[in-house]
Amino acid sequence: MQTGNVIAFPATPKNRLAVALCRLQMAQAEQRAALGQLRASLGQLRTETARLERSTLDWDGEVRSLGQAAAAAREAAAALQRTADRL
């Protein structure tokens, strides 16, 4: 069985308040650091989302262009078939 460290309980109300305030300040500092990391992560997410949006728009343009080329090729093939049918 593992034993833990025993933390002495402050003897006076003034000491208890001082310890509580110190712990509160430490917790606030940790939260500020975590919030800073969250903001940095959100900034990276915003950047990557914008990059993904640009990439998706580029891809959409390529797909539309290929669709138009396929439609033109299909029409050309149909025209050739009509010509061949007349011969």
Protein backbone atom coordinates (compact mmCIF):
# COMPACT_ATOMS: atom_id res chain seq x y z
CA MET A 1 0.00 0.00 0.00
CA GLN A 2 1.36 3.38 -0.95
CA THR A 3 1.51 6.10 1.68
CA GLY A 4 0.92 9.76 0.87
CA ASN A 5 2.52 12.89 2.19
CA VAL A 6 0.74 14.45 5.13
CA ILE A 7 0.21 18.18 4.70
CA ALA A 8 0.08 20.11 7.94
CA PHE A 9 -3.18 21.98 8.46
CA PRO A 10 -2.55 25.67 9.24
CA ALA A 11 -3.04 26.30 12.93
CA THR A 12 -4.70 29.71 12.85
CA PRO A 13 -7.52 31.16 10.75
CA LYS A 14 -5.08 33.74 9.38
CA ASN A 15 -2.73 31.01 8.24
CA ARG A 16 -5.60 29.02 6.72
CA LEU A 17 -6.71 32.10 4.79
CA ALA A 18 -3.15 32.75 3.58
CA VAL A 19 -2.80 29.15 2.39
CA ALA A 20 -6.20 29.27 0.67
CA LEU A 21 -5.35 32.52 -1.11
CA CYS A 22 -1.99 31.15 -2.20
CA ARG A 23 -3.66 28.04 -3.63
CA LEU A 24 -6.26 30.20 -5.35
CA GLN A 25 -3.53 32.27 -6.98
CA MET A 26 -1.76 29.12 -8.14
CA ALA A 27 -5.01 27.77 -9.60
CA GLN A 28 -5.67 31.07 -11.37
CA ALA A 29 -2.17 31.03 -12.84
CA GLU A 30 -2.74 27.49 -14.12
CA GLN A 31 -6.06 28.54 -15.63
CA ARG A 32 -4.44 31.55 -17.33
CA ALA A 33 -1.80 29.25 -18.82
CA ALA A 34 -4.47 26.79 -19.97
CA LEU A 35 -6.52 29.62 -21.48
CA GLY A 36 -3.44 30.85 -23.34
CA GLN A 37 -2.91 27.37 -24.75
CA LEU A 38 -6.57 27.17 -25.73
CA ARG A 39 -6.35 30.50 -27.55
CA ALA A 40 -3.22 29.36 -29.38
CA SER A 41 -4.96 26.13 -30.39
CA LEU A 42 -7.99 28.05 -31.61
CA GLY A 43 -5.71 30.26 -33.70
CA GLN A 44 -4.12 27.19 -35.26
CA LEU A 45 -7.55 25.70 -35.88
CA ARG A 46 -8.70 28.92 -37.56
CA THR A 47 -5.61 28.90 -39.80
CA GLU A 48 -6.03 25.24 -40.76
CA THR A 49 -9.76 25.68 -41.36
CA ALA A 50 -9.06 28.56 -43.73
CA ARG A 51 -6.44 26.47 -45.53
CA LEU A 52 -8.90 23.59 -45.81
CA GLU A 53 -11.56 25.94 -47.16
CA ARG A 54 -9.18 27.21 -49.87
CA SER A 55 -8.19 23.65 -50.73
CA THR A 56 -11.83 22.58 -50.93
CA LEU A 57 -12.68 25.51 -53.20
CA ASP A 58 -9.73 24.64 -55.45
CA TRP A 59 -10.85 21.01 -55.55
CA ASP A 60 -14.42 22.08 -56.34
CA GLY A 61 -13.15 24.17 -59.24
CA GLU A 62 -11.16 21.21 -60.59
CA VAL A 63 -14.16 18.89 -60.32
CA ARG A 64 -16.38 21.40 -62.11
CA SER A 65 -13.77 21.83 -64.84
CA LEU A 66 -13.46 18.07 -65.27
CA GLY A 67 -17.24 17.78 -65.38
CA GLN A 68 -17.41 20.38 -68.15
CA ALA A 69 -14.64 18.59 -70.08
CA ALA A 70 -16.47 15.27 -69.67
CA ALA A 71 -19.72 16.83 -70.89
CA ALA A 72 -17.92 18.29 -73.92
CA ALA A 73 -16.29 14.93 -74.67
CA ARG A 74 -19.66 13.17 -74.33
CA GLU A 75 -21.24 15.68 -76.75
CA ALA A 76 -18.35 15.22 -79.20
CA ALA A 77 -18.73 11.45 -78.99
CA ALA A 78 -22.48 11.74 -79.59
CA ALA A 79 -21.82 13.99 -82.62
CA LEU A 80 -19.35 11.46 -84.00
CA GLN A 81 -21.88 8.66 -83.44
CA ARG A 82 -24.56 10.63 -85.30
CA THR A 83 -22.09 11.20 -88.16
CA ALA A 84 -21.20 7.51 -88.22
CA ASP A 85 -24.89 6.55 -88.23
CA ARG A 86 -25.49 8.72 -91.30
CA LEU A 87 -22.70 7.00 -93.21
